[in-house]
C-alpha atoms as a PDB file:
ATOM      1  CA  MET A   1      87.012  98.559 102.832  1.00  0.00           C
ATOM      2  CA  GLU A   2      85.473 100.150  99.657  1.00  0.00           C
ATOM      3  CA  THR A   3      87.884 101.249  96.882  1.00  0.00           C
ATOM      4  CA  VAL A   4      86.809 104.549  95.358  1.00  0.00           C
ATOM      5  CA  GLY A   5      87.554 105.782  91.911  1.00  0.00           C
ATOM      6  CA  LEU A   6      86.955 102.495  90.044  1.00  0.00           C
ATOM      7  CA  GLY A   7      85.672 102.411  86.458  1.00  0.00           C
ATOM      8  CA  LEU A   8      82.220 101.743  85.022  1.00  0.00           C
ATOM      9  CA  PHE A   9      81.332  98.332  84.178  1.00  0.00           C
ATOM     10  CA  TYR A  10      79.641  97.137  80.925  1.00  0.00           C
ATOM     11  CA  GLU A  11      76.349  97.162  82.643  1.00  0.00           C
ATOM     12  CA  ASP A  12      76.785 100.889  83.512  1.00  0.00           C
ATOM     13  CA  LEU A  13      77.078 101.857  79.850  1.00  0.00           C
ATOM     14  CA  PRO A  14      73.808 101.231  78.059  1.00  0.00           C
ATOM     15  CA  ILE A  15      73.184 102.669  74.629  1.00  0.00           C
ATOM     16  CA  GLY A  16      72.029 106.331  75.056  1.00  0.00           C
ATOM     17  CA  ARG A  17      73.904 106.905  78.373  1.00  0.00           C
ATOM     18  CA  GLU A  18      75.499 110.389  78.307  1.00  0.00           C
ATOM     19  CA  PHE A  19      78.042 111.903  80.683  1.00  0.00           C
ATOM     20  CA  ARG A  20      80.863 114.518  80.726  1.00  0.00           C
ATOM     21  CA  THR A  21      84.130 114.672  82.402  1.00  0.00           C
ATOM     22  CA  ILE A  22      85.778 117.543  84.496  1.00  0.00           C
ATOM     23  CA  GLY A  23      87.817 120.202  82.536  1.00  0.00           C
ATOM     24  CA  ARG A  24      91.482 120.511  81.884  1.00  0.00           C
ATOM     25  CA  THR A  25      93.178 123.758  80.875  1.00  0.00           C
ATOM     26  CA  VAL A  26      95.893 123.188  78.128  1.00  0.00           C
ATOM     27  CA  THR A  27      98.978 125.124  79.027  1.00  0.00           C
ATOM     28  CA  GLU A  28     101.948 126.271  76.809  1.00  0.00           C
ATOM     29  CA  ALA A  29     104.004 123.928  78.970  1.00  0.00           C
ATOM     30  CA  ASP A  30     101.744 121.156  78.156  1.00  0.00           C
ATOM     31  CA  ILE A  31     102.164 121.919  74.431  1.00  0.00           C
ATOM     32  CA  VAL A  32     105.975 122.190  74.516  1.00  0.00           C
ATOM     33  CA  ASN A  33     106.228 118.966  76.687  1.00  0.00           C
ATOM     34  CA  PHE A  34     103.887 116.933  74.295  1.00  0.00           C
ATOM     35  CA  ILE A  35     105.860 118.328  71.255  1.00  0.00           C
ATOM     36  CA  ASN A  36     109.111 117.207  72.718  1.00  0.00           C
ATOM     37  CA  CYS A  37     107.864 113.908  73.951  1.00  0.00           C
ATOM     38  CA  THR A  38     106.318 112.911  70.713  1.00  0.00           C
ATOM     39  CA  GLY A  39     108.693 114.476  68.199  1.00  0.00           C
ATOM     40  CA  MET A  40     105.905 116.450  66.527  1.00  0.00           C
ATOM     41  CA  THR A  41     108.197 119.267  65.517  1.00  0.00           C
ATOM     42  CA  GLU A  42     105.889 120.741  62.800  1.00  0.00           C
ATOM     43  CA  VAL A  43     106.424 124.529  62.347  1.00  0.00           C
ATOM     44  CA  LEU A  44     102.814 125.117  63.458  1.00  0.00           C
ATOM     45  CA  PHE A  45     103.875 123.915  66.990  1.00  0.00           C
ATOM     46  CA  ILE A  46     107.284 125.291  67.291  1.00  0.00           C
ATOM     47  CA  ASP A  47     107.693 128.409  65.252  1.00  0.00           C
ATOM     48  CA  MET A  48     105.708 131.438  66.544  1.00  0.00           C
ATOM     49  CA  GLU A  49     107.072 133.633  63.640  1.00  0.00           C
ATOM     50  CA  PHE A  50     105.679 131.165  61.097  1.00  0.00           C
ATOM     51  CA  LEU A  51     102.194 131.302  62.887  1.00  0.00           C
ATOM     52  CA  ALA A  52     102.351 135.203  62.916  1.00  0.00           C
ATOM     53  CA  ASN A  53     103.434 135.784  59.497  1.00  0.00           C
ATOM     54  CA  ASP A  54     102.503 132.739  57.332  1.00  0.00           C
ATOM     55  CA  SER A  55      99.652 130.909  58.840  1.00  0.00           C
ATOM     56  CA  ASP A  56      95.980 131.298  59.167  1.00  0.00           C
ATOM     57  CA  ILE A  57      96.262 130.019  62.766  1.00  0.00           C
ATOM     58  CA  LYS A  58      97.202 132.716  65.245  1.00  0.00           C
ATOM     59  CA  GLY A  59      98.296 131.785  68.741  1.00  0.00           C
ATOM     60  CA  ARG A  60     100.041 128.793  70.440  1.00  0.00           C
ATOM     61  CA  VAL A  61      98.085 125.927  68.887  1.00  0.00           C
ATOM     62  CA  ALA A  62      98.168 122.554  70.378  1.00  0.00           C
ATOM     63  CA  PRO A  63      98.541 119.162  68.360  1.00  0.00           C
ATOM     64  CA  ALA A  64      94.926 117.544  67.915  1.00  0.00           C
ATOM     65  CA  ALA A  65      96.696 114.461  69.375  1.00  0.00           C
ATOM     66  CA  LEU A  66      97.438 116.418  72.689  1.00  0.00           C
ATOM     67  CA  ALA A  67      93.647 117.316  73.049  1.00  0.00           C
ATOM     68  CA  TYR A  68      92.864 113.730  72.253  1.00  0.00           C
ATOM     69  CA  THR A  69      95.274 112.315  74.801  1.00  0.00           C
ATOM     70  CA  PHE A  70      94.111 114.843  77.397  1.00  0.00           C
ATOM     71  CA  ALA A  71      90.443 113.735  76.884  1.00  0.00           C
ATOM     72  CA  GLU A  72      91.441 110.103  77.161  1.00  0.00           C
ATOM     73  CA  GLY A  73      93.335 110.875  80.411  1.00  0.00           C
ATOM     74  CA  LEU A  74      90.142 112.651  81.867  1.00  0.00           C
ATOM     75  CA  LEU A  75      87.992 109.726  80.858  1.00  0.00           C
ATOM     76  CA  ILE A  76      90.432 106.949  82.064  1.00  0.00           C
ATOM     77  CA  GLN A  77      90.587 108.597  85.443  1.00  0.00           C
ATOM     78  CA  ALA A  78      86.730 108.691  85.681  1.00  0.00           C
ATOM     79  CA  THR A  79      85.549 105.576  83.944  1.00  0.00           C
ATOM     80  CA  MET A  80      88.016 102.849  83.193  1.00  0.00           C
ATOM     81  CA  GLN A  81      90.196 101.981  86.413  1.00  0.00           C
ATOM     82  CA  HIS A  82      90.082  98.195  86.734  1.00  0.00           C
ATOM     83  CA  THR A  83      87.139  97.700  84.179  1.00  0.00           C
ATOM     84  CA  GLY A  84      88.853  98.827  80.946  1.00  0.00           C
ATOM     85  CA  TYR A  85      90.336  95.928  79.295  1.00  0.00           C
ATOM     86  CA  ALA A  86      91.390  97.134  75.801  1.00  0.00           C
ATOM     87  CA  PHE A  87      91.116 100.056  73.351  1.00  0.00           C
ATOM     88  CA  LEU A  88      90.407  98.428  70.035  1.00  0.00           C
ATOM     89  CA  ASN A  89      89.481 101.013  67.342  1.00  0.00           C
ATOM     90  CA  MET A  90      88.310 104.481  66.626  1.00  0.00           C
ATOM     91  CA  GLU A  91      87.642 107.196  64.031  1.00  0.00           C
ATOM     92  CA  LEU A  92      88.874 110.760  64.732  1.00  0.00           C
ATOM     93  CA  ASP A  93      87.654 114.081  63.247  1.00  0.00           C
ATOM     94  CA  VAL A  94      89.265 117.270  64.120  1.00  0.00           C
ATOM     95  CA  LYS A  95      86.772 120.041  64.026  1.00  0.00           C
ATOM     96  CA  ALA A  96      88.538 123.109  65.447  1.00  0.00           C
ATOM     97  CA  PRO A  97      91.927 124.040  67.012  1.00  0.00           C
ATOM     98  CA  VAL A  98      92.969 124.023  70.761  1.00  0.00           C
ATOM     99  CA  PHE A  99      95.095 126.806  72.023  1.00  0.00           C
ATOM    100  CA  ALA A 100      97.154 127.438  75.123  1.00  0.00           C
ATOM    101  CA  GLY A 101      94.704 128.564  77.651  1.00  0.00           C
ATOM    102  CA  ASP A 102      91.718 126.592  76.285  1.00  0.00           C
ATOM    103  CA  THR A 103      90.031 124.390  79.012  1.00  0.00           C
ATOM    104  CA  ILE A 104      88.659 121.346  77.448  1.00  0.00           C
ATOM    105  CA  HIS A 105      86.363 118.556  78.637  1.00  0.00           C
ATOM    106  CA  ALA A 106      84.925 115.365  77.007  1.00  0.00           C
ATOM    107  CA  GLU A 107      81.242 114.663  76.422  1.00  0.00           C
ATOM    108  CA  CYS A 108      80.439 111.060  75.811  1.00  0.00           C
ATOM    109  CA  GLU A 109      77.476 109.173  74.552  1.00  0.00           C
ATOM    110  CA  VAL A 110      77.250 105.448  74.388  1.00  0.00           C
ATOM    111  CA  ILE A 111      76.194 104.485  70.717  1.00  0.00           C
ATOM    112  CA  GLU A 112      77.111 100.743  70.941  1.00  0.00           C
ATOM    113  CA  ALA A 113      77.117  98.053  73.438  1.00  0.00           C
ATOM    114  CA  ARG A 114      77.111  94.409  73.067  1.00  0.00           C
ATOM    115  CA  ARG A 115      78.448  91.373  74.951  1.00  0.00           C
ATOM    116  CA  THR A 116      81.350  89.276  73.616  1.00  0.00           C
ATOM    117  CA  SER A 117      81.375  85.508  73.129  1.00  0.00           C
ATOM    118  CA  LYS A 118      83.869  85.412  76.029  1.00  0.00           C
ATOM    119  CA  PRO A 119      82.010  85.660  79.370  1.00  0.00           C
ATOM    120  CA  GLY A 120      82.684  88.619  81.604  1.00  0.00           C
ATOM    121  CA  ARG A 121      83.303  91.101  78.739  1.00  0.00           C
ATOM    122  CA  GLY A 122      81.397  93.484  76.695  1.00  0.00           C
ATOM    123  CA  LEU A 123      82.193  95.856  73.751  1.00  0.00           C
ATOM    124  CA  VAL A 124      81.298  99.515  74.169  1.00  0.00           C
ATOM    125  CA  ARG A 125      81.544 102.386  71.485  1.00  0.00           C
ATOM    126  CA  THR A 126      81.032 105.827  72.554  1.00  0.00           C
ATOM    127  CA  ARG A 127      81.019 109.091  70.609  1.00  0.00           C
ATOM    128  CA  ASN A 128      83.270 111.489  72.537  1.00  0.00           C
ATOM    129  CA  LYS A 129      83.344 115.180  71.784  1.00  0.00           C
ATOM    130  CA  VAL A 130      86.120 117.173  73.155  1.00  0.00           C
ATOM    131  CA  VAL A 131      84.596 120.633  73.941  1.00  0.00           C
ATOM    132  CA  LYS A 132      86.181 123.911  74.618  1.00  0.00           C
ATOM    133  CA  GLN A 133      85.177 126.383  77.332  1.00  0.00           C
ATOM    134  CA  ASP A 134      83.214 128.296  74.888  1.00  0.00           C
ATOM    135  CA  GLY A 135      81.231 125.287  73.671  1.00  0.00           C
ATOM    136  CA  THR A 136      83.271 124.843  70.485  1.00  0.00           C
ATOM    137  CA  VAL A 137      83.659 121.195  69.610  1.00  0.00           C
ATOM    138  CA  ALA A 138      87.360 120.714  68.931  1.00  0.00           C
ATOM    139  CA  LEU A 139      87.407 116.764  68.124  1.00  0.00           C
ATOM    140  CA  VAL A 140      84.926 114.098  67.725  1.00  0.00           C
ATOM    141  CA  TYR A 141      86.060 110.534  68.082  1.00  0.00           C
ATOM    142  CA  THR A 142      84.402 107.121  68.424  1.00  0.00           C
ATOM    143  CA  PRO A 143      86.516 104.584  70.575  1.00  0.00           C
ATOM    144  CA  LEU A 144      85.525 100.917  70.754  1.00  0.00           C
ATOM    145  CA  ARG A 145      86.624  99.468  74.063  1.00  0.00           C
ATOM    146  CA  LEU A 146      86.504  95.943  75.686  1.00  0.00           C
ATOM    147  CA  ILE A 147      85.069  96.487  79.043  1.00  0.00           C
ATOM    148  CA  LYS A 148      84.670  94.257  82.141  1.00  0.00           C
ATOM    149  CA  CYS A 149      81.159  92.945  83.096  1.00  0.00           C
ATOM    150  CA  ARG A 150      80.102  92.545  86.769  1.00  0.00           C
ATOM    151  CA  GLY A 151      80.360  89.271  88.426  1.00  0.00           C
END
């Protein structure tokens, strides 16, 4: 019987391939739970009076780390089940805030792909953009992953 939902193999990720994930709306509950789980109790995330009176940011802002982890969750579900071996490295650039009520998705482009010296494995780097419902790019990150090859 076929198993559905398996990830992409190295051979499925040539340089230049592009794809996007489904969307995910960030809720206030997501933000509160993330802050409590991680201990990111910065006033930007927990003090609405500070945001209203002393900050250039207005509204229930999410930590950039939350937007990044949501994007990773969307990608893992779609591309890495049983084929992703390791997350090795990345650069991350925050471009715009994400707020409660924003719906985000990830847009990916394969920018590097090469086999390793160990058989059955390849290295793949993507440029991932976390994009909000209005087209604003909130984050750009470039993970390098160790990916399973076919056979």
